[in-house]
Amino acid sequence: MTTTAMIAYAAALLVDVAAPGPAMFGVISTGLARGTSAAITVGLGLALGDILLVSAVLLGLVAIAATFEWVFSIVKYAGAAYLIWIGIKMWRSKPERADSVQAGSGRPLWNIGLGATMALGNPTGILFHVSLMPLLVDLGALTILDAGIILGIVFMVNALTMGVYGLLSGRVSSWFQPHGRVRWVNRIAGSAMVGIGAVIASR
């Protein structure tokens, strides 16, 4: 894999990851409602989920996905239902001050699982990689080192981009310390999660 191909792949991936979509809104909603650390760990979950999608492409599981489409449909709808459930919980949650949210947001495995669900439940993710990779990478001559480089690029681009969104939304969340504002942020974030789940289910 040439340096030019690596840079082109990273640039194309960055544009896709940074563009408005379920992942971006999910991280921002989490940052506003639950603080910076929760948003960043959700972003890490998204990065890990995207690595699994790229690994599926590299291993040729796209053909398996076409044969066993019902399995992937179950994963998609289960992920969508989970996100909707999280959104309803956010909508109904009691308002908390931003500082207490920051202090109590430490459920990293839960947050990572939420991010991974967003990534794996979005079927357009694997379609993006399937369409992009043959244009920039010679899959027939791909080595283990090349595959490792690709996975590293995927993780870094996702983690850094979502980390920026998480930091920005977490910083802004301090403005919502009054309970009335927190209640509305919870409801907006919950509505966003429900919307993300509905979008994923409809694709």
N, C-alpha and C. Protein backbone atom coordinates (compact mmCIF):
# COMPACT_ATOMS: atom_id res chain seq x y z
N MET A 1 0.86 -1.19 0.00
CA MET A 1 0.00 0.00 0.00
C MET A 1 0.89 1.23 0.00
N THR A 2 0.75 2.07 -1.00
CA THR A 2 1.61 3.24 -1.13
C THR A 2 1.21 4.34 -0.15
N THR A 3 2.15 5.25 0.08
CA THR A 3 1.87 6.39 0.96
C THR A 3 0.75 7.25 0.41
N THR A 4 0.73 7.42 -0.90
CA THR A 4 -0.33 8.20 -1.54
C THR A 4 -1.69 7.57 -1.30
N ALA A 5 -1.77 6.25 -1.43
CA ALA A 5 -3.03 5.55 -1.19
C ALA A 5 -3.48 5.69 0.26
N MET A 6 -2.52 5.61 1.19
CA MET A 6 -2.85 5.76 2.61
C MET A 6 -3.43 7.14 2.90
N ILE A 7 -2.77 8.17 2.35
CA ILE A 7 -3.24 9.54 2.58
C ILE A 7 -4.62 9.76 1.96
N ALA A 8 -4.81 9.24 0.75
CA ALA A 8 -6.10 9.40 0.08
C ALA A 8 -7.20 8.68 0.83
N TYR A 9 -6.90 7.48 1.33
CA TYR A 9 -7.88 6.72 2.08
C TYR A 9 -8.25 7.44 3.38
N ALA A 10 -7.22 7.95 4.09
CA ALA A 10 -7.46 8.67 5.34
C ALA A 10 -8.29 9.93 5.10
N ALA A 11 -7.98 10.65 4.01
CA ALA A 11 -8.71 11.88 3.71
C ALA A 11 -10.17 11.59 3.38
N ALA A 12 -10.41 10.57 2.57
CA ALA A 12 -11.79 10.21 2.21
C ALA A 12 -12.57 9.76 3.44
N LEU A 13 -11.90 8.99 4.30
CA LEU A 13 -12.54 8.51 5.52
C LEU A 13 -12.86 9.67 6.46
N LEU A 14 -11.94 10.63 6.56
CA LEU A 14 -12.14 11.80 7.42
C LEU A 14 -13.37 12.59 6.98
N VAL A 15 -13.51 12.79 5.69
CA VAL A 15 -14.67 13.53 5.17
C VAL A 15 -15.96 12.80 5.54
N ASP A 16 -15.96 11.48 5.40
CA ASP A 16 -17.15 10.70 5.71
C ASP A 16 -17.46 10.72 7.20
N VAL A 17 -16.44 10.55 8.04
CA VAL A 17 -16.65 10.48 9.49
C VAL A 17 -17.08 11.84 10.04
N ALA A 18 -16.49 12.92 9.52
CA ALA A 18 -16.78 14.26 10.05
C ALA A 18 -18.12 14.79 9.57
N ALA A 19 -18.67 14.22 8.50
CA ALA A 19 -19.94 14.71 7.96
C ALA A 19 -21.08 14.43 8.94
N PRO A 20 -22.10 15.30 8.95
CA PRO A 20 -23.26 15.08 9.82
C PRO A 20 -23.90 13.73 9.55
N GLY A 21 -24.19 13.02 10.62
CA GLY A 21 -24.79 11.70 10.49
C GLY A 21 -25.09 11.13 11.87
N PRO A 22 -25.60 9.90 11.93
CA PRO A 22 -25.95 9.30 13.23
C PRO A 22 -24.79 9.29 14.22
N ALA A 23 -23.58 8.98 13.75
CA ALA A 23 -22.43 8.91 14.67
C ALA A 23 -22.14 10.27 15.29
N MET A 24 -22.05 11.30 14.45
CA MET A 24 -21.75 12.64 14.95
C MET A 24 -22.81 13.11 15.94
N PHE A 25 -24.08 12.95 15.58
CA PHE A 25 -25.16 13.39 16.45
C PHE A 25 -25.20 12.59 17.74
N GLY A 26 -24.87 11.30 17.65
CA GLY A 26 -24.84 10.48 18.84
C GLY A 26 -23.78 10.94 19.84
N VAL A 27 -22.58 11.25 19.35
CA VAL A 27 -21.51 11.73 20.22
C VAL A 27 -21.85 13.09 20.81
N ILE A 28 -22.33 14.00 19.98
CA ILE A 28 -22.67 15.34 20.46
C ILE A 28 -23.80 15.29 21.49
N SER A 29 -24.82 14.48 21.22
CA SER A 29 -25.92 14.34 22.17
C SER A 29 -25.43 13.80 23.51
N THR A 30 -24.55 12.81 23.45
CA THR A 30 -23.99 12.26 24.68
C THR A 30 -23.17 13.30 25.43
N GLY A 31 -22.36 14.08 24.70
CA GLY A 31 -21.56 15.11 25.34
C GLY A 31 -22.40 16.16 26.03
N LEU A 32 -23.47 16.59 25.38
CA LEU A 32 -24.34 17.60 25.97
C LEU A 32 -25.07 17.08 27.20
N ALA A 33 -25.51 15.83 27.12
CA ALA A 33 -26.32 15.28 28.21
C ALA A 33 -25.49 14.70 29.35
N ARG A 34 -24.30 14.13 29.04
CA ARG A 34 -23.58 13.37 30.07
C ARG A 34 -22.12 13.74 30.20
N GLY A 35 -21.65 14.72 29.45
CA GLY A 35 -20.30 15.22 29.66
C GLY A 35 -19.26 14.67 28.70
N THR A 36 -18.04 15.24 28.82
CA THR A 36 -16.96 14.97 27.87
C THR A 36 -16.50 13.52 27.87
N SER A 37 -16.26 12.95 29.06
CA SER A 37 -15.68 11.60 29.11
C SER A 37 -16.64 10.58 28.51
N ALA A 38 -17.94 10.74 28.75
CA ALA A 38 -18.91 9.82 28.16
C ALA A 38 -18.91 9.93 26.65
N ALA A 39 -18.86 11.17 26.14
CA ALA A 39 -18.87 11.37 24.69
C ALA A 39 -17.63 10.77 24.04
N ILE A 40 -16.47 10.95 24.67
CA ILE A 40 -15.23 10.42 24.10
C ILE A 40 -15.23 8.90 24.07
N THR A 41 -15.75 8.27 25.14
CA THR A 41 -15.78 6.80 25.15
C THR A 41 -16.81 6.26 24.15
N VAL A 42 -17.90 6.99 23.92
CA VAL A 42 -18.82 6.61 22.86
C VAL A 42 -18.11 6.68 21.51
N GLY A 43 -17.29 7.74 21.32
CA GLY A 43 -16.51 7.86 20.10
C GLY A 43 -15.53 6.72 19.92
N LEU A 44 -14.93 6.26 21.01
CA LEU A 44 -14.03 5.10 20.93
C LEU A 44 -14.80 3.85 20.51
N GLY A 45 -16.02 3.71 21.03
CA GLY A 45 -16.85 2.59 20.63
C GLY A 45 -17.18 2.63 19.14
N LEU A 46 -17.45 3.83 18.64
CA LEU A 46 -17.69 3.99 17.20
C LEU A 46 -16.47 3.57 16.39
N ALA A 47 -15.28 3.96 16.87
CA ALA A 47 -14.05 3.61 16.18
C ALA A 47 -13.85 2.09 16.15
N LEU A 48 -14.10 1.44 17.28
CA LEU A 48 -13.95 -0.01 17.34
C LEU A 48 -14.98 -0.71 16.46
N GLY A 49 -16.21 -0.18 16.44
CA GLY A 49 -17.23 -0.76 15.58
C GLY A 49 -16.87 -0.63 14.11
N ASP A 50 -16.29 0.52 13.74
CA ASP A 50 -15.89 0.72 12.35
C ASP A 50 -14.74 -0.21 11.97
N ILE A 51 -13.85 -0.51 12.92
CA ILE A 51 -12.78 -1.46 12.67
C ILE A 51 -13.36 -2.84 12.34
N LEU A 52 -14.42 -3.22 13.05
CA LEU A 52 -15.06 -4.51 12.77
C LEU A 52 -15.66 -4.52 11.36
N LEU A 53 -16.26 -3.40 10.95
CA LEU A 53 -16.83 -3.33 9.61
C LEU A 53 -15.74 -3.44 8.54
N VAL A 54 -14.63 -2.74 8.74
CA VAL A 54 -13.53 -2.80 7.78
C VAL A 54 -12.91 -4.19 7.75
N SER A 55 -12.80 -4.81 8.92
CA SER A 55 -12.28 -6.18 8.97
C SER A 55 -13.16 -7.12 8.18
N ALA A 56 -14.48 -6.91 8.27
CA ALA A 56 -15.41 -7.74 7.50
C ALA A 56 -15.17 -7.58 6.01
N VAL A 57 -14.92 -6.35 5.58
CA VAL A 57 -14.64 -6.10 4.16
C VAL A 57 -13.34 -6.79 3.75
N LEU A 58 -12.30 -6.64 4.57
CA LEU A 58 -11.00 -7.22 4.23
C LEU A 58 -11.04 -8.74 4.21
N LEU A 59 -11.89 -9.33 5.03
CA LEU A 59 -11.98 -10.80 5.10
C LEU A 59 -12.98 -11.37 4.09
N GLY A 60 -13.60 -10.47 3.32
CA GLY A 60 -14.54 -10.95 2.31
C GLY A 60 -15.89 -11.35 2.85
N LEU A 61 -16.26 -10.81 4.02
CA LEU A 61 -17.54 -11.19 4.61
C LEU A 61 -18.73 -10.49 3.96
N VAL A 62 -18.46 -9.62 3.00
CA VAL A 62 -19.56 -8.98 2.30
C VAL A 62 -20.39 -10.04 1.57
N ALA A 63 -19.70 -11.03 1.00
CA ALA A 63 -20.42 -12.11 0.32
C ALA A 63 -21.26 -12.91 1.31
N ILE A 64 -20.72 -13.12 2.50
CA ILE A 64 -21.47 -13.82 3.54
C ILE A 64 -22.68 -12.99 3.95
N ALA A 65 -22.48 -11.67 4.03
CA ALA A 65 -23.58 -10.78 4.42
C ALA A 65 -24.71 -10.87 3.41
N ALA A 66 -24.36 -11.00 2.13
CA ALA A 66 -25.39 -11.11 1.10
C ALA A 66 -26.13 -12.44 1.22
N THR A 67 -25.40 -13.50 1.62
CA THR A 67 -26.02 -14.83 1.74
C THR A 67 -26.87 -14.93 3.00
N PHE A 68 -26.35 -14.38 4.09
CA PHE A 68 -27.06 -14.45 5.37
C PHE A 68 -27.54 -13.06 5.78
N GLU A 69 -28.26 -12.42 4.88
CA GLU A 69 -28.71 -11.04 5.12
C GLU A 69 -29.60 -10.94 6.35
N TRP A 70 -30.33 -12.01 6.65
CA TRP A 70 -31.25 -11.96 7.79
C TRP A 70 -30.51 -11.79 9.11
N VAL A 71 -29.27 -12.35 9.20
CA VAL A 71 -28.49 -12.20 10.43
C VAL A 71 -28.14 -10.74 10.65
N PHE A 72 -27.69 -10.08 9.58
CA PHE A 72 -27.31 -8.68 9.69
C PHE A 72 -28.53 -7.80 9.92
N SER A 73 -29.69 -8.23 9.43
CA SER A 73 -30.92 -7.48 9.68
C SER A 73 -31.28 -7.53 11.16
N ILE A 74 -31.08 -8.70 11.77
CA ILE A 74 -31.36 -8.83 13.20
C ILE A 74 -30.45 -7.90 14.00
N VAL A 75 -29.16 -7.87 13.64
CA VAL A 75 -28.21 -6.98 14.32
C VAL A 75 -28.63 -5.53 14.16
N LYS A 76 -29.04 -5.17 12.95
CA LYS A 76 -29.42 -3.79 12.68
C LYS A 76 -30.63 -3.38 13.52
N TYR A 77 -31.68 -4.21 13.51
CA TYR A 77 -32.89 -3.84 14.23
C TYR A 77 -32.70 -3.90 15.75
N ALA A 78 -31.87 -4.84 16.20
CA ALA A 78 -31.57 -4.90 17.64
C ALA A 78 -30.81 -3.64 18.07
N GLY A 79 -29.84 -3.22 17.25
CA GLY A 79 -29.11 -1.99 17.56
C GLY A 79 -30.01 -0.78 17.54
N ALA A 80 -30.91 -0.71 16.57
CA ALA A 80 -31.84 0.42 16.49
C ALA A 80 -32.75 0.46 17.71
N ALA A 81 -33.26 -0.70 18.12
CA ALA A 81 -34.12 -0.76 19.29
C ALA A 81 -33.37 -0.33 20.56
N TYR A 82 -32.11 -0.73 20.65
CA TYR A 82 -31.29 -0.35 21.81
C TYR A 82 -31.11 1.16 21.88
N LEU A 83 -30.82 1.79 20.73
CA LEU A 83 -30.64 3.24 20.71
C LEU A 83 -31.94 3.96 21.07
N ILE A 84 -33.06 3.46 20.57
CA ILE A 84 -34.34 4.07 20.91
C ILE A 84 -34.61 3.95 22.41
N TRP A 85 -34.28 2.80 22.98
CA TRP A 85 -34.45 2.60 24.42
C TRP A 85 -33.58 3.58 25.21
N ILE A 86 -32.32 3.77 24.76
CA ILE A 86 -31.44 4.74 25.42
C ILE A 86 -32.03 6.14 25.31
N GLY A 87 -32.58 6.48 24.14
CA GLY A 87 -33.18 7.79 23.95
C GLY A 87 -34.35 8.03 24.89
N ILE A 88 -35.18 7.01 25.07
CA ILE A 88 -36.32 7.14 25.99
C ILE A 88 -35.83 7.33 27.42
N LYS A 89 -34.77 6.61 27.80
CA LYS A 89 -34.20 6.77 29.14
C LYS A 89 -33.66 8.19 29.33
N MET A 90 -33.00 8.73 28.31
CA MET A 90 -32.49 10.10 28.40
C MET A 90 -33.65 11.09 28.56
N TRP A 91 -34.71 10.89 27.79
CA TRP A 91 -35.86 11.79 27.83
C TRP A 91 -36.48 11.82 29.23
N ARG A 92 -36.54 10.64 29.87
CA ARG A 92 -37.22 10.53 31.16
C ARG A 92 -36.29 10.74 32.35
N SER A 93 -34.98 10.89 32.09
CA SER A 93 -34.02 10.99 33.20
C SER A 93 -34.20 12.29 33.98
N LYS A 94 -33.88 12.23 35.26
CA LYS A 94 -33.97 13.41 36.11
C LYS A 94 -32.83 14.37 35.78
N PRO A 95 -33.09 15.68 35.81
CA PRO A 95 -32.03 16.65 35.52
C PRO A 95 -30.96 16.63 36.59
N GLU A 96 -29.70 16.66 36.15
CA GLU A 96 -28.56 16.73 37.06
C GLU A 96 -27.67 17.87 36.64
N ARG A 97 -26.94 18.40 37.61
CA ARG A 97 -26.00 19.47 37.30
C ARG A 97 -24.87 18.92 36.45
N ALA A 98 -24.29 19.78 35.60
CA ALA A 98 -23.24 19.33 34.67
C ALA A 98 -22.05 18.75 35.40
N ASP A 99 -21.70 19.34 36.58
CA ASP A 99 -20.52 18.83 37.28
C ASP A 99 -20.77 17.43 37.82
N SER A 100 -22.02 17.15 38.28
CA SER A 100 -22.30 15.81 38.77
C SER A 100 -22.37 14.81 37.63
N VAL A 101 -22.81 15.25 36.45
CA VAL A 101 -22.82 14.38 35.28
C VAL A 101 -21.40 14.01 34.91
N GLN A 102 -20.50 15.00 34.90
CA GLN A 102 -19.11 14.73 34.58
C GLN A 102 -18.52 13.74 35.56
N ALA A 103 -18.84 13.90 36.85
CA ALA A 103 -18.27 13.01 37.86
C ALA A 103 -18.85 11.61 37.77
N GLY A 104 -20.11 11.50 37.32
CA GLY A 104 -20.76 10.19 37.32
C GLY A 104 -20.88 9.55 35.97
N SER A 105 -20.10 10.04 35.00
CA SER A 105 -20.25 9.51 33.64
C SER A 105 -19.32 8.34 33.36
N GLY A 106 -18.69 7.81 34.42
CA GLY A 106 -17.69 6.79 34.20
C GLY A 106 -18.23 5.38 34.08
N ARG A 107 -18.89 5.09 32.97
CA ARG A 107 -19.26 3.71 32.64
C ARG A 107 -18.69 3.45 31.26
N PRO A 108 -17.35 3.36 31.17
CA PRO A 108 -16.70 3.30 29.85
C PRO A 108 -17.15 2.14 28.99
N LEU A 109 -17.32 0.94 29.58
CA LEU A 109 -17.72 -0.21 28.78
C LEU A 109 -19.12 -0.02 28.21
N TRP A 110 -20.00 0.55 29.01
CA TRP A 110 -21.37 0.82 28.54
C TRP A 110 -21.34 1.83 27.41
N ASN A 111 -20.53 2.88 27.56
CA ASN A 111 -20.44 3.92 26.53
C ASN A 111 -19.80 3.38 25.26
N ILE A 112 -18.77 2.56 25.41
CA ILE A 112 -18.13 1.96 24.23
C ILE A 112 -19.11 1.05 23.51
N GLY A 113 -19.89 0.30 24.28
CA GLY A 113 -20.91 -0.56 23.67
C GLY A 113 -21.95 0.25 22.91
N LEU A 114 -22.33 1.40 23.46
CA LEU A 114 -23.29 2.27 22.78
C LEU A 114 -22.72 2.76 21.45
N GLY A 115 -21.45 3.18 21.45
CA GLY A 115 -20.82 3.64 20.21
C GLY A 115 -20.69 2.53 19.19
N ALA A 116 -20.29 1.34 19.65
CA ALA A 116 -20.16 0.21 18.73
C ALA A 116 -21.51 -0.17 18.13
N THR A 117 -22.57 -0.05 18.93
CA THR A 117 -23.91 -0.34 18.42
C THR A 117 -24.28 0.61 17.30
N MET A 118 -23.94 1.90 17.47
CA MET A 118 -24.20 2.88 16.42
C MET A 118 -23.48 2.51 15.13
N ALA A 119 -22.22 2.10 15.26
CA ALA A 119 -21.43 1.78 14.07
C ALA A 119 -21.93 0.51 13.40
N LEU A 120 -22.12 -0.54 14.18
CA LEU A 120 -22.51 -1.84 13.60
C LEU A 120 -23.96 -1.85 13.14
N GLY A 121 -24.79 -0.99 13.73
CA GLY A 121 -26.19 -0.96 13.34
C GLY A 121 -26.46 -0.11 12.12
N ASN A 122 -25.42 0.55 11.60
CA ASN A 122 -25.59 1.42 10.44
C ASN A 122 -25.07 0.72 9.19
N PRO A 123 -25.94 0.16 8.36
CA PRO A 123 -25.49 -0.62 7.21
C PRO A 123 -24.76 0.20 6.15
N THR A 124 -24.95 1.51 6.15
CA THR A 124 -24.26 2.32 5.15
C THR A 124 -22.75 2.36 5.41
N GLY A 125 -22.34 2.04 6.65
CA GLY A 125 -20.92 2.05 6.97
C GLY A 125 -20.15 1.02 6.16
N ILE A 126 -20.66 -0.20 6.12
CA ILE A 126 -19.96 -1.25 5.37
C ILE A 126 -20.05 -0.98 3.86
N LEU A 127 -21.14 -0.38 3.42
CA LEU A 127 -21.26 -0.03 2.00
C LEU A 127 -20.23 1.03 1.61
N PHE A 128 -19.98 1.96 2.52
CA PHE A 128 -18.96 2.99 2.25
C PHE A 128 -17.59 2.35 2.06
N HIS A 129 -17.22 1.45 2.96
CA HIS A 129 -15.91 0.82 2.87
C HIS A 129 -15.81 -0.09 1.64
N VAL A 130 -16.91 -0.78 1.33
CA VAL A 130 -16.90 -1.66 0.16
C VAL A 130 -16.69 -0.86 -1.12
N SER A 131 -17.31 0.31 -1.20
CA SER A 131 -17.19 1.13 -2.41
C SER A 131 -15.87 1.88 -2.48
N LEU A 132 -15.32 2.28 -1.31
CA LEU A 132 -14.10 3.09 -1.30
C LEU A 132 -12.84 2.25 -1.47
N MET A 133 -12.78 1.12 -0.78
CA MET A 133 -11.53 0.38 -0.72
C MET A 133 -10.99 -0.08 -2.09
N PRO A 134 -11.83 -0.62 -2.97
CA PRO A 134 -11.29 -1.05 -4.28
C PRO A 134 -10.73 0.10 -5.11
N LEU A 135 -11.19 1.32 -4.84
CA LEU A 135 -10.71 2.47 -5.60
C LEU A 135 -9.30 2.88 -5.20
N LEU A 136 -8.92 2.62 -3.94
CA LEU A 136 -7.65 3.11 -3.43
C LEU A 136 -6.68 2.00 -3.03
N VAL A 137 -7.20 0.79 -2.86
CA VAL A 137 -6.36 -0.30 -2.35
C VAL A 137 -6.46 -1.49 -3.31
N ASP A 138 -5.31 -2.07 -3.61
CA ASP A 138 -5.27 -3.30 -4.42
C ASP A 138 -5.51 -4.47 -3.48
N LEU A 139 -6.78 -4.88 -3.35
CA LEU A 139 -7.13 -5.93 -2.40
C LEU A 139 -6.48 -7.26 -2.75
N GLY A 140 -6.18 -7.48 -4.05
CA GLY A 140 -5.55 -8.72 -4.45
C GLY A 140 -4.13 -8.85 -3.97
N ALA A 141 -3.46 -7.72 -3.77
CA ALA A 141 -2.07 -7.73 -3.33
C ALA A 141 -1.92 -7.27 -1.88
N LEU A 142 -3.01 -7.28 -1.15
CA LEU A 142 -3.00 -6.78 0.22
C LEU A 142 -2.22 -7.71 1.14
N THR A 143 -1.32 -7.15 1.94
CA THR A 143 -0.55 -7.93 2.91
C THR A 143 -1.13 -7.71 4.31
N ILE A 144 -0.65 -8.51 5.25
CA ILE A 144 -1.09 -8.36 6.64
C ILE A 144 -0.70 -6.98 7.16
N LEU A 145 0.48 -6.49 6.77
CA LEU A 145 0.91 -5.15 7.18
C LEU A 145 -0.03 -4.08 6.62
N ASP A 146 -0.41 -4.24 5.35
CA ASP A 146 -1.34 -3.29 4.74
C ASP A 146 -2.67 -3.27 5.49
N ALA A 147 -3.15 -4.47 5.82
CA ALA A 147 -4.42 -4.56 6.56
C ALA A 147 -4.31 -3.88 7.92
N GLY A 148 -3.17 -4.07 8.59
CA GLY A 148 -2.95 -3.41 9.88
C GLY A 148 -2.92 -1.90 9.75
N ILE A 149 -2.29 -1.41 8.68
CA ILE A 149 -2.24 0.03 8.44
C ILE A 149 -3.65 0.59 8.21
N ILE A 150 -4.44 -0.12 7.41
CA ILE A 150 -5.81 0.32 7.13
C ILE A 150 -6.62 0.38 8.42
N LEU A 151 -6.54 -0.66 9.24
CA LEU A 151 -7.28 -0.68 10.49
C LEU A 151 -6.80 0.44 11.42
N GLY A 152 -5.50 0.70 11.42
CA GLY A 152 -4.97 1.79 12.23
C GLY A 152 -5.50 3.15 11.77
N ILE A 153 -5.57 3.34 10.46
CA ILE A 153 -6.12 4.59 9.91
C ILE A 153 -7.58 4.74 10.31
N VAL A 154 -8.33 3.67 10.19
CA VAL A 154 -9.76 3.70 10.53
C VAL A 154 -9.95 4.09 11.99
N PHE A 155 -9.17 3.47 12.87
CA PHE A 155 -9.31 3.77 14.30
C PHE A 155 -8.92 5.21 14.60
N MET A 156 -7.79 5.66 14.09
CA MET A 156 -7.30 7.00 14.40
C MET A 156 -8.24 8.07 13.88
N VAL A 157 -8.70 7.93 12.64
CA VAL A 157 -9.59 8.94 12.06
C VAL A 157 -10.89 9.02 12.86
N ASN A 158 -11.47 7.86 13.16
CA ASN A 158 -12.72 7.85 13.93
C ASN A 158 -12.53 8.39 15.34
N ALA A 159 -11.50 7.90 16.03
CA ALA A 159 -11.30 8.30 17.42
C ALA A 159 -10.98 9.78 17.54
N LEU A 160 -10.12 10.31 16.66
CA LEU A 160 -9.76 11.72 16.75
C LEU A 160 -10.92 12.63 16.37
N THR A 161 -11.63 12.28 15.30
CA THR A 161 -12.76 13.11 14.87
C THR A 161 -13.86 13.13 15.92
N MET A 162 -14.25 11.96 16.40
CA MET A 162 -15.29 11.90 17.41
C MET A 162 -14.81 12.46 18.75
N GLY A 163 -13.50 12.37 19.00
CA GLY A 163 -12.95 12.97 20.20
C GLY A 163 -13.10 14.48 20.20
N VAL A 164 -12.89 15.09 19.04
CA VAL A 164 -13.06 16.54 18.92
C VAL A 164 -14.53 16.91 19.16
N TYR A 165 -15.44 16.18 18.54
CA TYR A 165 -16.86 16.44 18.76
C TYR A 165 -17.23 16.26 20.23
N GLY A 166 -16.65 15.22 20.85
CA GLY A 166 -16.93 14.95 22.26
C GLY A 166 -16.42 16.06 23.16
N LEU A 167 -15.20 16.55 22.90
CA LEU A 167 -14.64 17.64 23.70
C LEU A 167 -15.46 18.91 23.56
N LEU A 168 -15.82 19.25 22.34
CA LEU A 168 -16.58 20.49 22.11
C LEU A 168 -17.96 20.41 22.78
N SER A 169 -18.66 19.31 22.59
CA SER A 169 -19.99 19.20 23.18
C SER A 169 -19.91 19.11 24.70
N GLY A 170 -18.86 18.46 25.22
CA GLY A 170 -18.69 18.38 26.67
C GLY A 170 -18.42 19.73 27.30
N ARG A 171 -17.62 20.56 26.62
CA ARG A 171 -17.35 21.91 27.12
C ARG A 171 -18.62 22.76 27.13
N VAL A 172 -19.40 22.63 26.09
CA VAL A 172 -20.63 23.42 26.00
C VAL A 172 -21.64 22.98 27.07
N SER A 173 -21.55 21.72 27.49
CA SER A 173 -22.54 21.20 28.44
C SER A 173 -22.54 21.95 29.76
N SER A 174 -21.42 22.60 30.12
CA SER A 174 -21.37 23.34 31.38
C SER A 174 -22.33 24.52 31.39
N TRP A 175 -22.70 25.00 30.19
CA TRP A 175 -23.65 26.10 30.11
C TRP A 175 -25.04 25.67 30.54
N PHE A 176 -25.29 24.35 30.53
CA PHE A 176 -26.62 23.83 30.81
C PHE A 176 -26.77 23.39 32.26
N GLN A 177 -26.00 23.98 33.18
CA GLN A 177 -26.06 23.56 34.57
C GLN A 177 -27.42 23.79 35.24
N PRO A 178 -28.12 24.90 35.01
CA PRO A 178 -29.44 25.03 35.63
C PRO A 178 -30.34 23.86 35.27
N HIS A 179 -31.11 23.38 36.26
CA HIS A 179 -31.89 22.16 36.07
C HIS A 179 -32.86 22.26 34.90
N GLY A 180 -33.45 23.42 34.69
CA GLY A 180 -34.39 23.56 33.58
C GLY A 180 -33.71 23.32 32.25
N ARG A 181 -32.49 23.85 32.11
CA ARG A 181 -31.76 23.64 30.86
C ARG A 181 -31.35 22.18 30.71
N VAL A 182 -30.92 21.56 31.81
CA VAL A 182 -30.50 20.16 31.75
C VAL A 182 -31.66 19.27 31.31
N ARG A 183 -32.85 19.58 31.82
CA ARG A 183 -34.02 18.78 31.44
C ARG A 183 -34.23 18.83 29.92
N TRP A 184 -34.11 20.04 29.36
CA TRP A 184 -34.33 20.16 27.92
C TRP A 184 -33.20 19.52 27.12
N VAL A 185 -31.98 19.60 27.63
CA VAL A 185 -30.87 18.93 26.95
C VAL A 185 -31.08 17.42 26.95
N ASN A 186 -31.52 16.87 28.09
CA ASN A 186 -31.81 15.44 28.15
C ASN A 186 -32.86 15.05 27.14
N ARG A 187 -33.88 15.90 26.99
CA ARG A 187 -34.95 15.58 26.05
C ARG A 187 -34.49 15.72 24.61
N ILE A 188 -33.68 16.73 24.34
CA ILE A 188 -33.15 16.88 22.98
C ILE A 188 -32.23 15.72 22.64
N ALA A 189 -31.33 15.38 23.59
CA ALA A 189 -30.41 14.26 23.36
C ALA A 189 -31.17 12.95 23.22
N GLY A 190 -32.21 12.76 24.06
CA GLY A 190 -33.01 11.56 23.96
C GLY A 190 -33.73 11.46 22.62
N SER A 191 -34.27 12.60 22.17
CA SER A 191 -34.94 12.62 20.86
C SER A 191 -33.96 12.30 19.75
N ALA A 192 -32.71 12.82 19.87
CA ALA A 192 -31.69 12.53 18.86
C ALA A 192 -31.38 11.04 18.81
N MET A 193 -31.27 10.41 19.99
CA MET A 193 -31.00 8.97 20.02
C MET A 193 -32.14 8.17 19.40
N VAL A 194 -33.38 8.55 19.72
CA VAL A 194 -34.54 7.87 19.13
C VAL A 194 -34.52 8.06 17.61
N GLY A 195 -34.19 9.29 17.18
CA GLY A 195 -34.11 9.56 15.75
C GLY A 195 -33.04 8.74 15.07
N ILE A 196 -31.86 8.63 15.71
CA ILE A 196 -30.77 7.82 15.15
C ILE A 196 -31.21 6.37 15.01
N GLY A 197 -31.87 5.84 16.05
CA GLY A 197 -32.37 4.47 15.98
C GLY A 197 -33.37 4.27 14.85
N ALA A 198 -34.26 5.26 14.68
CA ALA A 198 -35.26 5.17 13.62
C ALA A 198 -34.60 5.23 12.24
N VAL A 199 -33.61 6.09 12.09
CA VAL A 199 -32.90 6.20 10.80
C VAL A 199 -32.20 4.89 10.46
N ILE A 200 -31.51 4.30 11.45
CA ILE A 200 -30.81 3.04 11.23
C ILE A 200 -31.79 1.93 10.85
N ALA A 201 -32.94 1.89 11.54
CA ALA A 201 -33.92 0.84 11.26
C ALA A 201 -34.53 1.00 9.87
N SER A 202 -34.61 2.23 9.37
CA SER A 202 -35.26 2.46 8.09
C SER A 202 -34.35 2.21 6.90
N ARG A 203 -33.03 2.04 7.13
CA ARG A 203 -32.09 1.88 6.02
C ARG A 203 -31.96 0.42 5.62
